[in-house]
Amino acid sequence: MKTKTSLLALAAAATLVAGPALAQFQDRALRLSVPVPKEHPMGQGARTVMACALEKSGGKLKINAVYDGALGNDVAATQSARSGSLDMYITSTAPLVGVLPAIGVFDLPFLFSNEKEADAVLDGKAGQYFNEKLVGVGLVNLGWWENGFRHATNSRRPIQRMEDFEGVKMRVMQNNIFIDTFKTLGSNAVPMAFSEVYSALETKTVDGQENPFANIENSKFYEVQKYLTLTKHAYSPLVFLMSKKTWDGLSPQERTAMVDCGAKGRDDERRINRESAAASLANLKSKGMQVNEISAPEMQRIRDKTKGVYETHGKAIGDEAINLVFGELKRIRGN
C-alpha cells in the first residue's frame, strides 16, 4: 500500500524505532560532484555538509567533494547518480527536465518575484511533491538550495530594450524552456553544458550567457564578457541529490544524518549566496563589466513577450505541477 509519507520522514521514523543500539554508522566514503569552483557558495555549502556528516557519524561518514564539474556535467552526473556510479551531486533543476518533465515549472520565466517566495514554495508542499517525484526516477533530494536569480551577459552591446536580444548568440542550459525563452526574445539560443561556457565565450562561439552573479564571478566570465544586464528573468533552484541506490544502502541513522546535514548545508548556502550577491555585483563592476537595468516599461514588454512560453510548455510540465506551484504562489501572495 502506497503512503504519502515522505521518504525522508520514513528515515527519521526508522531511526527512532531502531534505537541507538541498532542504528549504526559504517565507515563510508561518498563522492559528491559540485559543478562550480570550491569558492562558490555552492562549494561552501558542500563543505558544511561534509563537516556535518563527519561530526554526526564520529568521523565515519566521509564525503569527498570534486569541484568544477570534473566528474561530468549536470546531465552526465544525473545519469551517473541514477545508475549508482555517483553517490551525490548538486545541480540546477533545469537539466533534470529530461527525466522529470514536471520540474520544468521552475524554469518558466519570471515565476518568482523574490527569494522569500521561492523559499516558501520549495520548502513547502510543492517542494515535497517534487521530492517524491525525484525518488521515482532514482534520486533522493536532501535539500532545496539556491543558484539564485539569473541575469544576462554578452560581449556585443548593453541590453536595454527587448530588441537588443535580437541576433545575440546566448548560451543557455540544456533545457527547452530556456531555449524557447531566449528564442522568443529574438536571440539565437545555444544549449551547452556549464563547464564549456567560458571557452565558448572566449572563442566567440557564443556572444553571451545567463547566470546568477556568483556563477558569473566565480567562473570569471567578466574576462570574456563586457555587458551585464539585470534581467532577473528566472530564479534557479538547486537540488542536493543522492543516488537512491546509495540511499538504499544507508542505515536509518545514516539517512537521518544526511537529511539533517543537507538542510544545514542549504541554510548556509542560501545565506552565503544572498549575502555575497551585492559584493559579487560590485566586484564584477570593478572588473570592468558595464552593468545596466532595464526600465520597468521595457521589462513589462519582455514579460508579456515570454508569456507564450507558459502555453508552449504547459502540457509537458503537466497541470498537476503547474496548479500546485501557482496555487502556492497565490496563497503566499495573499490573492
C-alpha atoms as a PDB file:
ATOM      1  CA  MET A   1       0.000   0.000   0.000  1.00  0.00           C
ATOM      2  CA  LYS A   2       1.402   3.371  -1.033  1.00  0.00           C
ATOM      3  CA  THR A   3       1.853   6.092   1.535  1.00  0.00           C
ATOM      4  CA  LYS A   4       2.156   9.832   1.158  1.00  0.00           C
ATOM      5  CA  THR A   5       4.669   9.929   3.983  1.00  0.00           C
ATOM      6  CA  SER A   6       7.917  11.257   2.571  1.00  0.00           C
ATOM      7  CA  LEU A   7      10.971   9.061   2.239  1.00  0.00           C
ATOM      8  CA  LEU A   8      12.899  11.451   4.440  1.00  0.00           C
ATOM      9  CA  ALA A   9      10.281  11.273   7.196  1.00  0.00           C
ATOM     10  CA  LEU A  10      10.431   7.482   6.995  1.00  0.00           C
ATOM     11  CA  ALA A  11      14.185   7.627   7.557  1.00  0.00           C
ATOM     12  CA  ALA A  12      13.727   9.648  10.717  1.00  0.00           C
ATOM     13  CA  ALA A  13      10.968   7.349  11.968  1.00  0.00           C
ATOM     14  CA  ALA A  14      13.064   4.275  11.281  1.00  0.00           C
ATOM     15  CA  THR A  15      15.890   5.701  13.363  1.00  0.00           C
ATOM     16  CA  LEU A  16      13.581   6.150  16.339  1.00  0.00           C
ATOM     17  CA  VAL A  17      12.300   2.580  16.020  1.00  0.00           C
ATOM     18  CA  ALA A  18      15.748   1.055  15.630  1.00  0.00           C
ATOM     19  CA  GLY A  19      17.212   2.898  18.589  1.00  0.00           C
ATOM     20  CA  PRO A  20      20.896   3.695  19.186  1.00  0.00           C
ATOM     21  CA  ALA A  21      21.926   0.046  19.547  1.00  0.00           C
ATOM     22  CA  LEU A  22      20.813  -0.922  16.037  1.00  0.00           C
ATOM     23  CA  ALA A  23      21.148   2.370  14.125  1.00  0.00           C
ATOM     24  CA  GLN A  24      24.857   2.484  13.451  1.00  0.00           C
ATOM     25  CA  PHE A  25      27.283   4.289  11.178  1.00  0.00           C
ATOM     26  CA  GLN A  26      29.694   2.427   8.937  1.00  0.00           C
ATOM     27  CA  ASP A  27      32.955   3.664   7.500  1.00  0.00           C
ATOM     28  CA  ARG A  28      31.943   5.141   4.162  1.00  0.00           C
ATOM     29  CA  ALA A  29      33.485   7.409   1.560  1.00  0.00           C
ATOM     30  CA  LEU A  30      30.870   9.018  -0.698  1.00  0.00           C
ATOM     31  CA  ARG A  31      31.692  11.025  -3.807  1.00  0.00           C
ATOM     32  CA  LEU A  32      29.993  14.372  -4.287  1.00  0.00           C
ATOM     33  CA  SER A  33      30.090  16.198  -7.632  1.00  0.00           C
ATOM     34  CA  VAL A  34      29.981  20.011  -7.408  1.00  0.00           C
ATOM     35  CA  PRO A  35      29.649  21.788 -10.771  1.00  0.00           C
ATOM     36  CA  VAL A  36      31.402  25.028  -9.740  1.00  0.00           C
ATOM     37  CA  PRO A  37      34.666  26.124  -8.056  1.00  0.00           C
ATOM     38  CA  LYS A  38      35.005  25.428  -4.340  1.00  0.00           C
ATOM     39  CA  GLU A  39      34.905  29.172  -3.580  1.00  0.00           C
ATOM     40  CA  HIS A  40      31.335  29.394  -4.887  1.00  0.00           C
ATOM     41  CA  PRO A  41      28.528  29.473  -2.257  1.00  0.00           C
ATOM     42  CA  MET A  42      27.588  26.027  -3.550  1.00  0.00           C
ATOM     43  CA  GLY A  43      31.057  24.778  -2.671  1.00  0.00           C
ATOM     44  CA  GLN A  44      30.847  26.369   0.757  1.00  0.00           C
ATOM     45  CA  GLY A  45      27.501  24.692   1.358  1.00  0.00           C
ATOM     46  CA  ALA A  46      29.035  21.375   0.311  1.00  0.00           C
ATOM     47  CA  ARG A  47      31.795  21.795   2.884  1.00  0.00           C
ATOM     48  CA  THR A  48      29.154  22.441   5.549  1.00  0.00           C
ATOM     49  CA  VAL A  49      27.552  19.097   4.656  1.00  0.00           C
ATOM     50  CA  MET A  50      30.912  17.330   4.707  1.00  0.00           C
ATOM     51  CA  ALA A  51      31.789  18.663   8.172  1.00  0.00           C
ATOM     52  CA  CYS A  52      28.299  17.899   9.483  1.00  0.00           C
ATOM     53  CA  ALA A  53      28.423  14.295   8.253  1.00  0.00           C
ATOM     54  CA  LEU A  54      31.786  13.728   9.902  1.00  0.00           C
ATOM     55  CA  GLU A  55      30.544  15.191  13.173  1.00  0.00           C
ATOM     56  CA  LYS A  56      27.294  13.214  13.290  1.00  0.00           C
ATOM     57  CA  SER A  57      28.986   9.942  12.376  1.00  0.00           C
ATOM     58  CA  GLY A  58      32.003  10.239  14.652  1.00  0.00           C
ATOM     59  CA  GLY A  59      34.255  10.547  11.610  1.00  0.00           C
ATOM     60  CA  LYS A  60      32.901   7.500   9.771  1.00  0.00           C
ATOM     61  CA  LEU A  61      30.760   9.162   7.100  1.00  0.00           C
ATOM     62  CA  LYS A  62      33.194  10.893   4.761  1.00  0.00           C
ATOM     63  CA  ILE A  63      32.030  12.888   1.754  1.00  0.00           C
ATOM     64  CA  ASN A  64      34.688  13.631  -0.842  1.00  0.00           C
ATOM     65  CA  ALA A  65      33.751  16.633  -2.990  1.00  0.00           C
ATOM     66  CA  VAL A  66      35.054  17.031  -6.540  1.00  0.00           C
ATOM     67  CA  TYR A  67      34.652  20.566  -7.896  1.00  0.00           C
ATOM     68  CA  ASP A  68      34.370  22.320 -11.274  1.00  0.00           C
ATOM     69  CA  GLY A  69      32.196  19.586 -12.772  1.00  0.00           C
ATOM     70  CA  ALA A  70      35.239  17.320 -13.064  1.00  0.00           C
ATOM     71  CA  LEU A  71      33.042  14.226 -12.686  1.00  0.00           C
ATOM     72  CA  GLY A  72      30.799  15.252 -15.573  1.00  0.00           C
ATOM     73  CA  ASN A  73      28.293  17.935 -16.494  1.00  0.00           C
ATOM     74  CA  ASP A  74      24.808  18.078 -14.968  1.00  0.00           C
ATOM     75  CA  VAL A  75      23.268  15.696 -17.487  1.00  0.00           C
ATOM     76  CA  ALA A  76      26.102  13.176 -17.122  1.00  0.00           C
ATOM     77  CA  ALA A  77      26.014  13.469 -13.317  1.00  0.00           C
ATOM     78  CA  THR A  78      22.276  12.766 -13.364  1.00  0.00           C
ATOM     79  CA  GLN A  79      22.818   9.618 -15.386  1.00  0.00           C
ATOM     80  CA  SER A  80      25.668   8.504 -13.117  1.00  0.00           C
ATOM     81  CA  ALA A  81      23.668   9.076  -9.932  1.00  0.00           C
ATOM     82  CA  ARG A  82      20.626   7.241 -11.265  1.00  0.00           C
ATOM     83  CA  SER A  83      22.815   4.265 -12.181  1.00  0.00           C
ATOM     84  CA  GLY A  84      24.552   4.341  -8.802  1.00  0.00           C
ATOM     85  CA  SER A  85      28.059   5.080 -10.098  1.00  0.00           C
ATOM     86  CA  LEU A  86      27.973   8.534  -8.456  1.00  0.00           C
ATOM     87  CA  ASP A  87      26.788   8.934  -4.869  1.00  0.00           C
ATOM     88  CA  MET A  88      25.793  12.595  -4.704  1.00  0.00           C
ATOM     89  CA  TYR A  89      25.730  15.765  -6.766  1.00  0.00           C
ATOM     90  CA  ILE A  90      24.419  19.314  -6.808  1.00  0.00           C
ATOM     91  CA  THR A  91      22.581  20.619  -9.851  1.00  0.00           C
ATOM     92  CA  SER A  92      20.096  23.180 -11.031  1.00  0.00           C
ATOM     93  CA  THR A  93      16.659  21.742 -11.668  1.00  0.00           C
ATOM     94  CA  ALA A  94      16.773  22.638 -15.376  1.00  0.00           C
ATOM     95  CA  PRO A  95      18.912  19.668 -16.513  1.00  0.00           C
ATOM     96  CA  LEU A  96      16.511  17.287 -14.727  1.00  0.00           C
ATOM     97  CA  VAL A  97      13.627  18.071 -17.066  1.00  0.00           C
ATOM     98  CA  GLY A  98      14.700  15.235 -19.374  1.00  0.00           C
ATOM     99  CA  VAL A  99      13.927  12.675 -16.661  1.00  0.00           C
ATOM    100  CA  LEU A 100      11.228  14.597 -14.780  1.00  0.00           C
ATOM    101  CA  PRO A 101       9.344  16.988 -17.116  1.00  0.00           C
ATOM    102  CA  ALA A 102       7.150  18.382 -14.319  1.00  0.00           C
ATOM    103  CA  ILE A 103      10.146  20.025 -12.631  1.00  0.00           C
ATOM    104  CA  GLY A 104      10.337  22.336 -15.639  1.00  0.00           C
ATOM    105  CA  VAL A 105       7.757  24.522 -13.893  1.00  0.00           C
ATOM    106  CA  PHE A 106      10.675  26.206 -12.106  1.00  0.00           C
ATOM    107  CA  ASP A 107      12.239  27.201 -15.422  1.00  0.00           C
ATOM    108  CA  LEU A 108       9.267  29.291 -16.537  1.00  0.00           C
ATOM    109  CA  PRO A 109      10.342  32.922 -16.967  1.00  0.00           C
ATOM    110  CA  PHE A 110       9.579  35.443 -14.222  1.00  0.00           C
ATOM    111  CA  LEU A 111       7.968  32.802 -11.974  1.00  0.00           C
ATOM    112  CA  PHE A 112       9.208  34.126  -8.616  1.00  0.00           C
ATOM    113  CA  SER A 113       9.378  37.765  -7.562  1.00  0.00           C
ATOM    114  CA  ASN A 114      11.868  37.307  -4.718  1.00  0.00           C
ATOM    115  CA  GLU A 115      13.765  34.746  -2.644  1.00  0.00           C
ATOM    116  CA  LYS A 116      11.122  34.689   0.102  1.00  0.00           C
ATOM    117  CA  GLU A 117       8.543  33.376  -2.363  1.00  0.00           C
ATOM    118  CA  ALA A 118      10.968  30.775  -3.673  1.00  0.00           C
ATOM    119  CA  ASP A 119      11.806  29.502  -0.178  1.00  0.00           C
ATOM    120  CA  ALA A 120       8.136  29.213   0.775  1.00  0.00           C
ATOM    121  CA  VAL A 121       7.307  27.194  -2.339  1.00  0.00           C
ATOM    122  CA  LEU A 122      10.375  24.955  -2.318  1.00  0.00           C
ATOM    123  CA  ASP A 123      10.368  24.239   1.424  1.00  0.00           C
ATOM    124  CA  GLY A 124       6.615  23.626   1.449  1.00  0.00           C
ATOM    125  CA  LYS A 125       4.258  21.096  -0.071  1.00  0.00           C
ATOM    126  CA  ALA A 126       5.297  21.888  -3.647  1.00  0.00           C
ATOM    127  CA  GLY A 127       8.912  21.071  -2.853  1.00  0.00           C
ATOM    128  CA  GLN A 128       7.848  17.850  -1.135  1.00  0.00           C
ATOM    129  CA  TYR A 129       5.774  16.916  -4.174  1.00  0.00           C
ATOM    130  CA  PHE A 130       8.884  17.101  -6.358  1.00  0.00           C
ATOM    131  CA  ASN A 131      10.988  15.262  -3.758  1.00  0.00           C
ATOM    132  CA  GLU A 132       8.625  12.304  -4.109  1.00  0.00           C
ATOM    133  CA  LYS A 133       8.729  12.525  -7.905  1.00  0.00           C
ATOM    134  CA  LEU A 134      12.540  12.508  -7.829  1.00  0.00           C
ATOM    135  CA  VAL A 135      12.576   9.282  -5.828  1.00  0.00           C
ATOM    136  CA  GLY A 136      10.634   7.749  -8.686  1.00  0.00           C
ATOM    137  CA  VAL A 137      13.496   8.466 -11.097  1.00  0.00           C
ATOM    138  CA  GLY A 138      16.192   7.147  -8.761  1.00  0.00           C
ATOM    139  CA  LEU A 139      17.218  10.331  -6.937  1.00  0.00           C
ATOM    140  CA  VAL A 140      16.757  11.457  -3.322  1.00  0.00           C
ATOM    141  CA  ASN A 141      16.662  15.216  -2.688  1.00  0.00           C
ATOM    142  CA  LEU A 142      18.433  16.175   0.529  1.00  0.00           C
ATOM    143  CA  GLY A 143      17.589  19.858   0.218  1.00  0.00           C
ATOM    144  CA  TRP A 144      16.483  22.724  -1.994  1.00  0.00           C
ATOM    145  CA  TRP A 145      19.482  25.003  -2.323  1.00  0.00           C
ATOM    146  CA  GLU A 146      19.819  28.151  -4.406  1.00  0.00           C
ATOM    147  CA  ASN A 147      21.581  29.209  -7.565  1.00  0.00           C
ATOM    148  CA  GLY A 148      19.602  32.434  -7.495  1.00  0.00           C
ATOM    149  CA  PHE A 149      18.108  34.900  -9.912  1.00  0.00           C
ATOM    150  CA  ARG A 150      19.654  34.746 -13.355  1.00  0.00           C
ATOM    151  CA  HIS A 151      20.879  37.703 -15.389  1.00  0.00           C
ATOM    152  CA  ALA A 152      22.108  38.091 -18.976  1.00  0.00           C
ATOM    153  CA  THR A 153      25.647  38.949 -20.069  1.00  0.00           C
ATOM    154  CA  ASN A 154      27.088  39.403 -23.550  1.00  0.00           C
ATOM    155  CA  SER A 155      30.053  40.819 -25.421  1.00  0.00           C
ATOM    156  CA  ARG A 156      28.152  42.785 -28.089  1.00  0.00           C
ATOM    157  CA  ARG A 157      26.022  45.511 -26.526  1.00  0.00           C
ATOM    158  CA  PRO A 158      24.049  46.556 -23.453  1.00  0.00           C
ATOM    159  CA  ILE A 159      20.557  45.073 -23.440  1.00  0.00           C
ATOM    160  CA  GLN A 160      18.231  47.983 -22.755  1.00  0.00           C
ATOM    161  CA  ARG A 161      15.232  47.090 -24.910  1.00  0.00           C
ATOM    162  CA  MET A 162      13.646  43.812 -25.930  1.00  0.00           C
ATOM    163  CA  GLU A 163      15.013  44.317 -29.441  1.00  0.00           C
ATOM    164  CA  ASP A 164      18.587  44.240 -28.100  1.00  0.00           C
ATOM    165  CA  PHE A 165      18.289  40.481 -27.626  1.00  0.00           C
ATOM    166  CA  GLU A 166      17.871  40.002 -31.369  1.00  0.00           C
ATOM    167  CA  GLY A 167      20.720  38.160 -33.067  1.00  0.00           C
ATOM    168  CA  VAL A 168      22.718  37.615 -29.870  1.00  0.00           C
ATOM    169  CA  LYS A 169      24.024  34.055 -29.565  1.00  0.00           C
ATOM    170  CA  MET A 170      23.112  33.177 -25.983  1.00  0.00           C
ATOM    171  CA  ARG A 171      24.344  30.087 -24.216  1.00  0.00           C
ATOM    172  CA  VAL A 172      21.543  28.587 -22.174  1.00  0.00           C
ATOM    173  CA  MET A 173      21.180  25.457 -20.084  1.00  0.00           C
ATOM    174  CA  GLN A 174      20.333  22.210 -21.848  1.00  0.00           C
ATOM    175  CA  ASN A 175      16.637  22.800 -21.323  1.00  0.00           C
ATOM    176  CA  ASN A 176      13.874  23.501 -23.847  1.00  0.00           C
ATOM    177  CA  ILE A 177      12.168  26.158 -21.736  1.00  0.00           C
ATOM    178  CA  PHE A 178      15.334  28.252 -21.516  1.00  0.00           C
ATOM    179  CA  ILE A 179      15.935  27.715 -25.225  1.00  0.00           C
ATOM    180  CA  ASP A 180      12.425  28.868 -26.114  1.00  0.00           C
ATOM    181  CA  THR A 181      12.532  31.830 -23.724  1.00  0.00           C
ATOM    182  CA  PHE A 182      15.540  33.331 -25.479  1.00  0.00           C
ATOM    183  CA  LYS A 183      14.351  32.360 -28.937  1.00  0.00           C
ATOM    184  CA  THR A 184      11.102  34.163 -28.151  1.00  0.00           C
ATOM    185  CA  LEU A 185      13.127  37.271 -27.335  1.00  0.00           C
ATOM    186  CA  GLY A 186      14.949  37.023 -30.666  1.00  0.00           C
ATOM    187  CA  SER A 187      18.250  35.505 -29.524  1.00  0.00           C
ATOM    188  CA  ASN A 188      19.974  32.530 -31.076  1.00  0.00           C
ATOM    189  CA  ALA A 189      19.802  30.205 -28.052  1.00  0.00           C
ATOM    190  CA  VAL A 190      22.645  27.683 -27.857  1.00  0.00           C
ATOM    191  CA  PRO A 191      22.265  24.871 -25.268  1.00  0.00           C
ATOM    192  CA  MET A 192      25.581  23.991 -23.662  1.00  0.00           C
ATOM    193  CA  ALA A 193      26.997  22.383 -20.512  1.00  0.00           C
ATOM    194  CA  PHE A 194      28.186  24.899 -17.926  1.00  0.00           C
ATOM    195  CA  SER A 195      31.747  23.538 -17.990  1.00  0.00           C
ATOM    196  CA  GLU A 196      32.048  24.542 -21.659  1.00  0.00           C
ATOM    197  CA  VAL A 197      30.756  28.107 -21.337  1.00  0.00           C
ATOM    198  CA  TYR A 198      33.959  30.038 -20.624  1.00  0.00           C
ATOM    199  CA  SER A 199      35.739  28.580 -23.639  1.00  0.00           C
ATOM    200  CA  ALA A 200      32.728  29.231 -25.873  1.00  0.00           C
ATOM    201  CA  LEU A 201      32.594  32.871 -24.753  1.00  0.00           C
ATOM    202  CA  GLU A 202      36.342  33.282 -25.171  1.00  0.00           C
ATOM    203  CA  THR A 203      36.319  31.930 -28.731  1.00  0.00           C
ATOM    204  CA  LYS A 204      33.119  33.874 -29.629  1.00  0.00           C
ATOM    205  CA  THR A 205      31.287  30.627 -30.329  1.00  0.00           C
ATOM    206  CA  VAL A 206      28.548  32.364 -28.362  1.00  0.00           C
ATOM    207  CA  ASP A 207      28.128  36.059 -27.592  1.00  0.00           C
ATOM    208  CA  GLY A 208      26.564  35.757 -24.173  1.00  0.00           C
ATOM    209  CA  GLN A 209      25.114  33.620 -21.415  1.00  0.00           C
ATOM    210  CA  GLU A 210      22.786  33.928 -18.436  1.00  0.00           C
ATOM    211  CA  ASN A 211      23.593  33.021 -14.842  1.00  0.00           C
ATOM    212  CA  PRO A 212      23.404  34.287 -11.259  1.00  0.00           C
ATOM    213  CA  PHE A 213      26.050  36.745 -10.031  1.00  0.00           C
ATOM    214  CA  ALA A 214      28.065  34.119  -8.138  1.00  0.00           C
ATOM    215  CA  ASN A 215      28.453  31.911 -11.221  1.00  0.00           C
ATOM    216  CA  ILE A 216      29.483  34.877 -13.358  1.00  0.00           C
ATOM    217  CA  GLU A 217      32.051  35.942 -10.762  1.00  0.00           C
ATOM    218  CA  ASN A 218      33.486  32.574  -9.761  1.00  0.00           C
ATOM    219  CA  SER A 219      33.807  31.382 -13.353  1.00  0.00           C
ATOM    220  CA  LYS A 220      35.482  34.674 -14.332  1.00  0.00           C
ATOM    221  CA  PHE A 221      33.081  35.375 -17.164  1.00  0.00           C
ATOM    222  CA  TYR A 222      33.976  39.059 -16.689  1.00  0.00           C
ATOM    223  CA  GLU A 223      37.202  38.261 -18.531  1.00  0.00           C
ATOM    224  CA  VAL A 224      35.257  37.455 -21.712  1.00  0.00           C
ATOM    225  CA  GLN A 225      32.013  39.433 -21.255  1.00  0.00           C
ATOM    226  CA  LYS A 226      31.619  43.203 -21.219  1.00  0.00           C
ATOM    227  CA  TYR A 227      27.920  43.777 -20.573  1.00  0.00           C
ATOM    228  CA  LEU A 228      25.761  42.575 -17.667  1.00  0.00           C
ATOM    229  CA  THR A 229      22.038  43.279 -17.732  1.00  0.00           C
ATOM    230  CA  LEU A 230      19.977  42.773 -14.578  1.00  0.00           C
ATOM    231  CA  THR A 231      17.146  40.849 -16.198  1.00  0.00           C
ATOM    232  CA  LYS A 232      16.197  38.625 -13.230  1.00  0.00           C
ATOM    233  CA  HIS A 233      14.405  36.530 -15.852  1.00  0.00           C
ATOM    234  CA  ALA A 234      14.440  33.283 -13.894  1.00  0.00           C
ATOM    235  CA  TYR A 235      15.078  32.005 -10.396  1.00  0.00           C
ATOM    236  CA  SER A 236      17.244  28.911 -10.462  1.00  0.00           C
ATOM    237  CA  PRO A 237      16.762  26.416  -7.620  1.00  0.00           C
ATOM    238  CA  LEU A 238      19.414  23.851  -6.818  1.00  0.00           C
ATOM    239  CA  VAL A 239      18.860  20.328  -5.593  1.00  0.00           C
ATOM    240  CA  PHE A 240      21.324  18.418  -3.427  1.00  0.00           C
ATOM    241  CA  LEU A 241      20.789  14.897  -4.708  1.00  0.00           C
ATOM    242  CA  MET A 242      21.834  11.446  -3.610  1.00  0.00           C
ATOM    243  CA  SER A 243      21.600   8.342  -5.751  1.00  0.00           C
ATOM    244  CA  LYS A 244      18.699   6.241  -4.495  1.00  0.00           C
ATOM    245  CA  LYS A 245      20.984   3.231  -4.799  1.00  0.00           C
ATOM    246  CA  THR A 246      23.394   4.870  -2.344  1.00  0.00           C
ATOM    247  CA  TRP A 247      20.482   5.939  -0.113  1.00  0.00           C
ATOM    248  CA  ASP A 248      19.083   2.412  -0.024  1.00  0.00           C
ATOM    249  CA  GLY A 249      22.417   1.155   1.309  1.00  0.00           C
ATOM    250  CA  LEU A 250      22.472   3.553   4.272  1.00  0.00           C
ATOM    251  CA  SER A 251      21.279   2.692   7.754  1.00  0.00           C
ATOM    252  CA  PRO A 252      18.334   4.658   9.185  1.00  0.00           C
ATOM    253  CA  GLN A 253      20.680   6.749  11.328  1.00  0.00           C
ATOM    254  CA  GLU A 254      22.925   7.494   8.357  1.00  0.00           C
ATOM    255  CA  ARG A 255      19.895   8.592   6.330  1.00  0.00           C
ATOM    256  CA  THR A 256      18.698  10.894   9.091  1.00  0.00           C
ATOM    257  CA  ALA A 257      22.182  12.393   9.377  1.00  0.00           C
ATOM    258  CA  MET A 258      22.281  13.079   5.644  1.00  0.00           C
ATOM    259  CA  VAL A 259      18.851  14.762   5.728  1.00  0.00           C
ATOM    260  CA  ASP A 260      19.941  16.942   8.653  1.00  0.00           C
ATOM    261  CA  CYS A 261      23.249  17.810   7.005  1.00  0.00           C
ATOM    262  CA  GLY A 262      21.563  18.596   3.688  1.00  0.00           C
ATOM    263  CA  ALA A 263      19.307  21.077   5.479  1.00  0.00           C
ATOM    264  CA  LYS A 264      22.253  22.619   7.308  1.00  0.00           C
ATOM    265  CA  GLY A 265      24.120  22.972   4.012  1.00  0.00           C
ATOM    266  CA  ARG A 266      21.017  24.524   2.444  1.00  0.00           C
ATOM    267  CA  ASP A 267      20.775  27.168   5.147  1.00  0.00           C
ATOM    268  CA  ASP A 268      24.453  28.077   4.855  1.00  0.00           C
ATOM    269  CA  GLU A 269      24.448  28.043   1.053  1.00  0.00           C
ATOM    270  CA  ARG A 270      21.383  30.272   0.766  1.00  0.00           C
ATOM    271  CA  ARG A 271      22.706  32.702   3.376  1.00  0.00           C
ATOM    272  CA  ILE A 272      26.146  32.954   1.790  1.00  0.00           C
ATOM    273  CA  ASN A 273      24.686  33.273  -1.709  1.00  0.00           C
ATOM    274  CA  ARG A 274      22.406  36.131  -0.678  1.00  0.00           C
ATOM    275  CA  GLU A 275      24.943  37.914   1.492  1.00  0.00           C
ATOM    276  CA  SER A 276      27.531  37.788  -1.271  1.00  0.00           C
ATOM    277  CA  ALA A 277      25.248  38.958  -4.090  1.00  0.00           C
ATOM    278  CA  ALA A 278      25.903  42.677  -3.622  1.00  0.00           C
ATOM    279  CA  ALA A 279      29.644  42.090  -3.182  1.00  0.00           C
ATOM    280  CA  SER A 280      29.721  39.911  -6.299  1.00  0.00           C
ATOM    281  CA  LEU A 281      27.987  42.595  -8.348  1.00  0.00           C
ATOM    282  CA  ALA A 282      30.380  45.250  -7.064  1.00  0.00           C
ATOM    283  CA  ASN A 283      33.325  43.020  -7.937  1.00  0.00           C
ATOM    284  CA  LEU A 284      32.005  42.417 -11.448  1.00  0.00           C
ATOM    285  CA  LYS A 285      31.790  46.190 -11.928  1.00  0.00           C
ATOM    286  CA  SER A 286      35.339  46.603 -10.615  1.00  0.00           C
ATOM    287  CA  LYS A 287      36.499  44.010 -13.164  1.00  0.00           C
ATOM    288  CA  GLY A 288      35.214  46.243 -15.947  1.00  0.00           C
ATOM    289  CA  MET A 289      31.743  44.904 -16.649  1.00  0.00           C
ATOM    290  CA  GLN A 290      29.189  47.514 -17.681  1.00  0.00           C
ATOM    291  CA  VAL A 291      26.050  46.868 -15.638  1.00  0.00           C
ATOM    292  CA  ASN A 292      22.619  48.171 -16.539  1.00  0.00           C
ATOM    293  CA  GLU A 293      18.987  47.679 -15.590  1.00  0.00           C
ATOM    294  CA  ILE A 294      16.042  47.629 -17.971  1.00  0.00           C
ATOM    295  CA  SER A 295      13.293  50.187 -17.462  1.00  0.00           C
ATOM    296  CA  ALA A 296      10.005  48.992 -15.943  1.00  0.00           C
ATOM    297  CA  PRO A 297       8.005  49.503 -19.171  1.00  0.00           C
ATOM    298  CA  GLU A 298      10.575  47.526 -21.182  1.00  0.00           C
ATOM    299  CA  MET A 299      10.616  44.744 -18.589  1.00  0.00           C
ATOM    300  CA  GLN A 300       6.848  44.505 -18.894  1.00  0.00           C
ATOM    301  CA  ARG A 301       7.192  44.184 -22.677  1.00  0.00           C
ATOM    302  CA  ILE A 302       9.682  41.354 -22.141  1.00  0.00           C
ATOM    303  CA  ARG A 303       7.416  39.584 -19.635  1.00  0.00           C
ATOM    304  CA  ASP A 304       4.455  39.901 -21.975  1.00  0.00           C
ATOM    305  CA  LYS A 305       6.516  38.529 -24.860  1.00  0.00           C
ATOM    306  CA  THR A 306       7.538  35.439 -22.890  1.00  0.00           C
ATOM    307  CA  LYS A 307       4.011  34.515 -21.770  1.00  0.00           C
ATOM    308  CA  GLY A 308       3.769  32.230 -24.783  1.00  0.00           C
ATOM    309  CA  VAL A 309       6.485  30.049 -23.228  1.00  0.00           C
ATOM    310  CA  TYR A 310       3.997  29.097 -20.486  1.00  0.00           C
ATOM    311  CA  GLU A 311       1.470  27.965 -23.069  1.00  0.00           C
ATOM    312  CA  THR A 312       4.033  26.097 -25.168  1.00  0.00           C
ATOM    313  CA  HIS A 313       5.435  24.064 -22.277  1.00  0.00           C
ATOM    314  CA  GLY A 314       2.403  23.771 -20.016  1.00  0.00           C
ATOM    315  CA  LYS A 315       1.340  20.418 -21.437  1.00  0.00           C
ATOM    316  CA  ALA A 316       4.776  18.822 -20.967  1.00  0.00           C
ATOM    317  CA  ILE A 317       5.028  20.127 -17.403  1.00  0.00           C
ATOM    318  CA  GLY A 318       1.510  18.989 -16.588  1.00  0.00           C
ATOM    319  CA  ASP A 319      -1.456  20.618 -14.931  1.00  0.00           C
ATOM    320  CA  GLU A 320      -0.793  18.977 -11.567  1.00  0.00           C
ATOM    321  CA  ALA A 321       2.622  20.612 -11.083  1.00  0.00           C
ATOM    322  CA  ILE A 322       1.557  23.958 -12.539  1.00  0.00           C
ATOM    323  CA  ASN A 323      -1.603  24.172 -10.440  1.00  0.00           C
ATOM    324  CA  LEU A 324       0.291  23.222  -7.288  1.00  0.00           C
ATOM    325  CA  VAL A 325       3.070  25.792  -7.719  1.00  0.00           C
ATOM    326  CA  PHE A 326       0.793  28.590  -8.876  1.00  0.00           C
ATOM    327  CA  GLY A 327      -1.685  27.760  -6.121  1.00  0.00           C
ATOM    328  CA  GLU A 328       1.095  28.063  -3.548  1.00  0.00           C
ATOM    329  CA  LEU A 329       2.236  31.359  -5.047  1.00  0.00           C
ATOM    330  CA  LYS A 330      -1.299  32.708  -4.927  1.00  0.00           C
ATOM    331  CA  ARG A 331      -1.590  31.707  -1.281  1.00  0.00           C
ATOM    332  CA  ILE A 332       1.791  33.211  -0.393  1.00  0.00           C
ATOM    333  CA  ARG A 333       0.982  36.469  -2.160  1.00  0.00           C
ATOM    334  CA  GLY A 334      -2.371  36.632  -0.420  1.00  0.00           C
ATOM    335  CA  ASN A 335      -4.557  36.911  -3.500  1.00  0.00           C
END
